[in-house]
Amino acid sequence: MNEAEEAALITYEMRGDVALVGLNRPEKRNAISDRFVEALADAVERARREAKAGVIFGNGKHFCAGLDLSEHVKKSAFEGVEGSRRWHEVFGRIEFGPIPWFCALHGAVVGGGLELASAAQVRVADETTFFALPEGQRGIFVGGGGSVRTARLMGVARMTDMMLTGRSIDADTGERWNLAQYVVPAGKSVEKALELAARAATNADLSNYAVINVLPRMPEMSRDDGLLMESFISSFTATSPEAEERLIAFLEKRAAKVAAPGGR
C-alpha cells in the first residue's frame, strides 16, 4: 500500500474549529488494520495541533466493525501484544489530550469499533446503531482498551454478558448503558456531533483540558484526595486570564445564562 492509499484510509477536514475525521474503509466496514491505526494516529495529531475539538465518524454504512481479523490471524503472540499496545497509545491520545472528541455512531459499533468510541469523551448514536463485543465467539479477547474504557462505561457485568453470549444491543439500550449520551434519527449523528463539538470548542482551553484529563481520574482517587484535587483545579482554572474575562462578561450580563431544556 503506497502513501496515498494509506492516507485515504482516513478523511480529514476542518469545520470551523472542529476537525472532522472519517474512518474510510467502507468496503471492510471500516475494520481496523495496523495501517488504519497509523493513519488515525496522524489525523489525531493533526487535530491536536489545529483544532479545538474533534469528531470521528465512519464513512459508508457502519461506524466500525472492529479488528481486521484477516491481518490478526497472521501475527505472532508478541506481534499481537505490540499491536494492542499501539492501539492503547493511539486511543489514549484521544482519551487524554488538549481537545475533546465526539464520536458520531451509526450501523455497526462492534469490537474494536466500540473500543475506539469508548476513548472519546462524548458519543452520539443514530437509530441504526448497534453495539456488540463478539470476541468470545472469535476465540479472542478485547485488545484495544475495552476491558478498561468500555467496562467502565457500562459496567463489568454487562460487558461480560455481551462477550460471553455474543449479544448485540440497539442504540436506545446503548444510551441506557452509557455507551452513548445521545440518540438521534438515522443519518443525523454527524450533524449532532458537529453541533456539540462546535459548542465545546468555544469553552476555555484550560477548562476543557481539566474536564478531559482530570475529571476521569478523580473517581479512582480516595474521597479526600479527589476533593483536594478539585480545589486545586478549581482555583487554577478560575485564576486564568481567560476565565477572568469570561466571569466578568457574565457579571456584566454580556454572556448568555444557562437555560432550561427547550429554552424555557
Protein backbone atom coordinates (compact mmCIF):
# COMPACT_ATOMS: atom_id res chain seq x y z
CA MET A 1 0.00 0.00 0.00
CA ASN A 2 1.50 3.36 -1.02
CA GLU A 3 1.32 6.62 0.97
CA ALA A 4 -1.67 7.91 -0.99
CA GLU A 5 -3.62 4.71 -0.32
CA GLU A 6 -2.70 4.81 3.36
CA ALA A 7 -3.75 8.45 3.66
CA ALA A 8 -7.10 7.57 2.05
CA LEU A 9 -7.89 5.28 4.98
CA ILE A 10 -8.83 8.41 6.95
CA THR A 11 -10.58 11.52 5.66
CA TYR A 12 -9.87 14.84 7.32
CA GLU A 13 -11.38 18.28 7.06
CA MET A 14 -11.84 21.32 9.24
CA ARG A 15 -15.31 22.69 10.00
CA GLY A 16 -14.53 25.95 11.72
CA ASP A 17 -12.58 25.00 14.84
CA VAL A 18 -13.66 21.35 14.65
CA ALA A 19 -11.64 18.58 12.96
CA LEU A 20 -13.91 16.09 11.18
CA VAL A 21 -12.10 12.73 10.97
CA GLY A 22 -13.68 9.98 8.88
CA LEU A 23 -12.89 6.27 9.04
CA ASN A 24 -12.68 5.46 5.34
CA ARG A 25 -12.59 1.75 4.67
CA PRO A 26 -16.29 1.21 3.92
CA GLU A 27 -15.78 -1.93 1.86
CA LYS A 28 -14.43 -3.57 5.05
CA ARG A 29 -16.99 -1.91 7.34
CA ASN A 30 -14.08 0.27 8.50
CA ALA A 31 -12.31 -2.70 10.08
CA ILE A 32 -9.14 -1.60 11.85
CA SER A 33 -5.79 -2.74 10.45
CA ASP A 34 -2.30 -1.69 11.56
CA ARG A 35 -2.07 0.86 8.74
CA PHE A 36 -5.52 2.10 9.66
CA VAL A 37 -4.34 2.77 13.23
CA GLU A 38 -1.33 4.72 11.96
CA ALA A 39 -3.49 6.82 9.63
CA LEU A 40 -5.82 7.57 12.55
CA ALA A 41 -2.82 8.49 14.72
CA ASP A 42 -1.69 11.03 12.13
CA ALA A 43 -5.19 12.57 11.95
CA VAL A 44 -5.44 12.80 15.74
CA GLU A 45 -2.07 14.53 15.99
CA ARG A 46 -3.04 16.98 13.25
CA ALA A 47 -6.30 17.78 15.05
CA ARG A 48 -4.47 18.33 18.33
CA ARG A 49 -2.35 20.98 16.58
CA GLU A 50 -5.00 22.89 14.65
CA ALA A 51 -8.48 22.20 16.12
CA LYS A 52 -10.30 22.98 19.36
CA ALA A 53 -12.49 19.85 19.18
CA GLY A 54 -12.78 16.75 17.01
CA VAL A 55 -15.47 14.48 15.57
CA ILE A 56 -14.81 10.88 14.48
CA PHE A 57 -17.32 9.19 12.18
CA GLY A 58 -17.45 6.25 9.79
CA ASN A 59 -17.85 6.56 6.03
CA GLY A 60 -20.26 4.05 4.49
CA LYS A 61 -22.96 2.06 6.23
CA HIS A 62 -21.13 1.47 9.51
CA PHE A 63 -19.02 3.28 12.06
CA CYS A 64 -16.56 0.43 12.60
CA ALA A 65 -16.84 -3.36 12.70
CA GLY A 66 -13.67 -3.75 14.76
CA LEU A 67 -10.39 -5.55 14.25
CA ASP A 68 -9.34 -6.69 10.78
CA LEU A 69 -9.24 -10.40 11.60
CA SER A 70 -7.53 -11.34 8.32
CA GLU A 71 -4.47 -9.42 9.50
CA HIS A 72 -4.71 -10.50 13.12
CA VAL A 73 -4.51 -14.26 12.48
CA LYS A 74 -1.10 -13.85 10.83
CA LYS A 75 0.55 -12.32 13.89
CA SER A 76 2.74 -13.97 16.48
CA ALA A 77 1.87 -13.58 20.17
CA PHE A 78 4.47 -10.84 20.60
CA GLU A 79 3.29 -9.01 17.48
CA GLY A 80 -0.21 -9.16 18.93
CA VAL A 81 0.99 -7.56 22.16
CA GLU A 82 2.79 -4.83 20.22
CA GLY A 83 -0.31 -4.18 18.12
CA SER A 84 -2.54 -3.98 21.18
CA ARG A 85 -0.19 -1.57 22.90
CA ARG A 86 -0.16 0.64 19.81
CA TRP A 87 -3.98 0.77 19.88
CA HIS A 88 -3.74 1.75 23.56
CA GLU A 89 -1.29 4.52 22.73
CA VAL A 90 -3.30 5.99 19.84
CA PHE A 91 -6.67 5.71 21.57
CA GLY A 92 -5.09 7.23 24.68
CA ARG A 93 -4.23 10.31 22.63
CA ILE A 94 -7.96 10.68 22.02
CA GLU A 95 -8.97 9.97 25.61
CA PHE A 96 -6.42 12.27 27.22
CA GLY A 97 -5.33 15.32 25.27
CA PRO A 98 -5.88 19.03 24.77
CA ILE A 99 -9.16 18.82 22.81
CA PRO A 100 -12.48 16.99 23.35
CA TRP A 101 -13.53 14.25 20.90
CA PHE A 102 -17.07 13.35 19.87
CA CYS A 103 -17.91 10.08 18.08
CA ALA A 104 -20.78 10.05 15.59
CA LEU A 105 -22.05 6.46 15.50
CA HIS A 106 -24.20 4.56 13.03
CA GLY A 107 -24.56 0.95 11.97
CA ALA A 108 -22.04 -1.44 13.48
CA VAL A 109 -20.08 -0.29 16.51
CA VAL A 110 -18.53 -3.66 17.14
CA GLY A 111 -15.43 -4.96 18.94
CA GLY A 112 -12.56 -2.58 18.27
CA GLY A 113 -15.05 -0.04 16.93
CA LEU A 114 -16.67 0.14 20.36
CA GLU A 115 -13.21 0.35 21.94
CA LEU A 116 -12.42 3.33 19.71
CA ALA A 117 -15.73 5.01 20.50
CA SER A 118 -15.10 4.44 24.22
CA ALA A 119 -11.97 6.58 24.01
CA ALA A 120 -13.99 9.66 23.00
CA GLN A 121 -15.48 11.98 25.59
CA VAL A 122 -18.98 12.01 24.07
CA ARG A 123 -20.77 9.53 21.80
CA VAL A 124 -23.77 10.31 19.57
CA ALA A 125 -25.59 7.28 18.16
CA ASP A 126 -28.21 7.34 15.45
CA GLU A 127 -31.13 4.91 15.42
CA THR A 128 -29.32 2.44 13.15
CA THR A 129 -26.50 1.93 15.65
CA PHE A 130 -25.90 -1.44 17.27
CA PHE A 131 -23.18 -2.40 19.72
CA ALA A 132 -21.53 -5.80 20.13
CA LEU A 133 -18.41 -7.45 21.54
CA PRO A 134 -18.10 -10.76 19.65
CA GLU A 135 -14.54 -11.55 20.75
CA GLY A 136 -15.67 -14.57 22.75
CA GLN A 137 -17.19 -16.17 19.64
CA ARG A 138 -13.96 -15.47 17.72
CA GLY A 139 -11.76 -17.12 20.32
CA ILE A 140 -10.04 -13.86 21.22
CA PHE A 141 -10.22 -11.09 23.83
CA VAL A 142 -10.53 -7.32 23.60
CA GLY A 143 -7.18 -5.65 22.92
CA GLY A 144 -7.93 -2.00 22.22
CA GLY A 145 -8.62 -0.88 25.77
CA GLY A 146 -12.17 -2.20 26.07
CA SER A 147 -11.56 -4.10 29.30
CA VAL A 148 -10.78 -0.73 30.91
CA ARG A 149 -12.61 2.01 28.99
CA THR A 150 -15.73 0.17 27.80
CA ALA A 151 -16.14 -1.76 31.05
CA ARG A 152 -16.03 1.49 33.00
CA LEU A 153 -18.74 2.97 30.79
CA MET A 154 -21.30 0.18 31.04
CA GLY A 155 -20.03 -1.95 33.91
CA VAL A 156 -18.24 -5.29 34.04
CA ALA A 157 -21.42 -7.38 34.38
CA ARG A 158 -22.96 -6.04 31.17
CA MET A 159 -19.71 -6.31 29.26
CA THR A 160 -19.26 -9.88 30.49
CA ASP A 161 -22.74 -10.74 29.22
CA MET A 162 -22.02 -9.26 25.79
CA MET A 163 -18.69 -11.05 25.45
CA LEU A 164 -19.92 -14.44 26.67
CA THR A 165 -23.19 -14.53 24.73
CA GLY A 166 -22.42 -12.50 21.61
CA ARG A 167 -25.40 -10.31 22.44
CA SER A 168 -25.83 -7.11 20.42
CA ILE A 169 -27.78 -4.11 21.71
CA ASP A 170 -29.53 -1.26 19.92
CA ALA A 171 -28.96 2.47 20.23
CA ASP A 172 -31.55 3.06 22.93
CA THR A 173 -30.13 0.28 25.10
CA GLY A 174 -26.65 1.63 24.45
CA GLU A 175 -27.74 5.02 25.75
CA ARG A 176 -29.18 3.45 28.91
CA TRP A 177 -25.92 1.56 29.37
CA ASN A 178 -23.84 4.74 28.94
CA LEU A 179 -22.30 3.70 25.62
CA ALA A 180 -23.89 6.79 24.06
CA GLN A 181 -25.02 10.09 25.54
CA TYR A 182 -27.36 10.98 22.66
CA VAL A 183 -29.59 9.05 20.26
CA VAL A 184 -30.72 10.87 17.12
CA PRO A 185 -32.67 9.95 13.97
CA ALA A 186 -30.92 7.86 11.31
CA GLY A 187 -28.32 9.82 9.39
CA LYS A 188 -28.13 12.67 11.92
CA SER A 189 -25.28 11.60 14.21
CA VAL A 190 -22.55 13.56 12.41
CA GLU A 191 -24.67 16.69 12.38
CA LYS A 192 -25.38 16.41 16.10
CA ALA A 193 -21.77 15.56 16.97
CA LEU A 194 -20.54 18.59 15.00
CA GLU A 195 -23.04 20.80 16.81
CA LEU A 196 -21.82 19.57 20.20
CA ALA A 197 -18.15 19.77 19.22
CA ALA A 198 -18.56 23.33 17.95
CA ARG A 199 -20.13 24.26 21.29
CA ALA A 200 -17.30 22.62 23.25
CA ALA A 201 -14.75 24.39 21.04
CA THR A 202 -15.91 27.72 22.44
CA ASN A 203 -15.02 26.73 26.00
CA ALA A 204 -11.87 27.93 27.68
CA ASP A 205 -8.95 25.70 26.66
CA LEU A 206 -7.89 25.15 30.26
CA SER A 207 -11.40 24.18 31.36
CA ASN A 208 -11.67 21.64 28.53
CA TYR A 209 -8.24 20.25 29.42
CA ALA A 210 -9.28 19.81 33.07
CA VAL A 211 -12.55 18.09 32.13
CA ILE A 212 -10.75 15.72 29.73
CA ASN A 213 -7.66 14.93 31.77
CA VAL A 214 -8.55 15.43 35.44
CA LEU A 215 -12.22 14.54 35.83
CA PRO A 216 -11.88 10.90 34.60
CA ARG A 217 -9.05 10.26 37.05
CA MET A 218 -10.78 11.61 40.14
CA PRO A 219 -13.14 8.64 40.75
CA GLU A 220 -10.02 6.46 41.04
CA MET A 221 -8.73 8.61 43.91
CA SER A 222 -9.73 8.38 47.54
CA ARG A 223 -12.55 10.73 48.54
CA ASP A 224 -10.23 13.18 50.32
CA ASP A 225 -7.62 13.12 47.54
CA GLY A 226 -10.31 13.77 44.94
CA LEU A 227 -11.70 16.73 46.87
CA LEU A 228 -8.22 18.18 47.34
CA MET A 229 -7.51 17.79 43.62
CA GLU A 230 -10.83 19.50 42.86
CA SER A 231 -9.84 22.51 44.99
CA PHE A 232 -6.55 22.94 43.17
CA ILE A 233 -8.01 22.54 39.67
CA SER A 234 -10.95 24.82 40.50
CA SER A 235 -8.63 27.57 41.71
CA PHE A 236 -6.12 27.06 38.89
CA THR A 237 -8.75 27.38 36.16
CA ALA A 238 -10.61 30.28 37.79
CA THR A 239 -7.47 32.42 38.02
CA SER A 240 -6.55 32.09 34.34
CA PRO A 241 -6.87 35.28 32.23
CA GLU A 242 -9.49 33.66 30.01
CA ALA A 243 -11.63 32.64 32.98
CA GLU A 244 -11.38 36.12 34.48
CA GLU A 245 -12.55 37.68 31.21
CA ARG A 246 -15.47 35.23 30.92
CA LEU A 247 -16.56 35.71 34.53
CA ILE A 248 -16.54 39.48 34.18
CA ALA A 249 -18.58 39.18 30.97
CA PHE A 250 -21.15 37.08 32.85
CA LEU A 251 -21.33 39.51 35.76
CA GLU A 252 -21.77 42.40 33.33
CA LYS A 253 -24.58 40.45 31.64
CA ARG A 254 -22.62 40.15 28.39
CA ALA A 255 -22.69 36.33 28.47
CA ALA A 256 -25.64 34.01 27.97
CA LYS A 257 -27.22 32.40 31.03
CA VAL A 258 -27.89 28.70 31.35
CA ALA A 259 -31.38 27.94 30.01
CA ALA A 260 -33.73 25.09 30.85
CA PRO A 261 -34.16 22.37 28.18
CA GLY A 262 -36.32 23.69 25.38
CA GLY A 263 -35.22 27.26 26.07
CA ARG A 264 -37.66 27.95 28.95
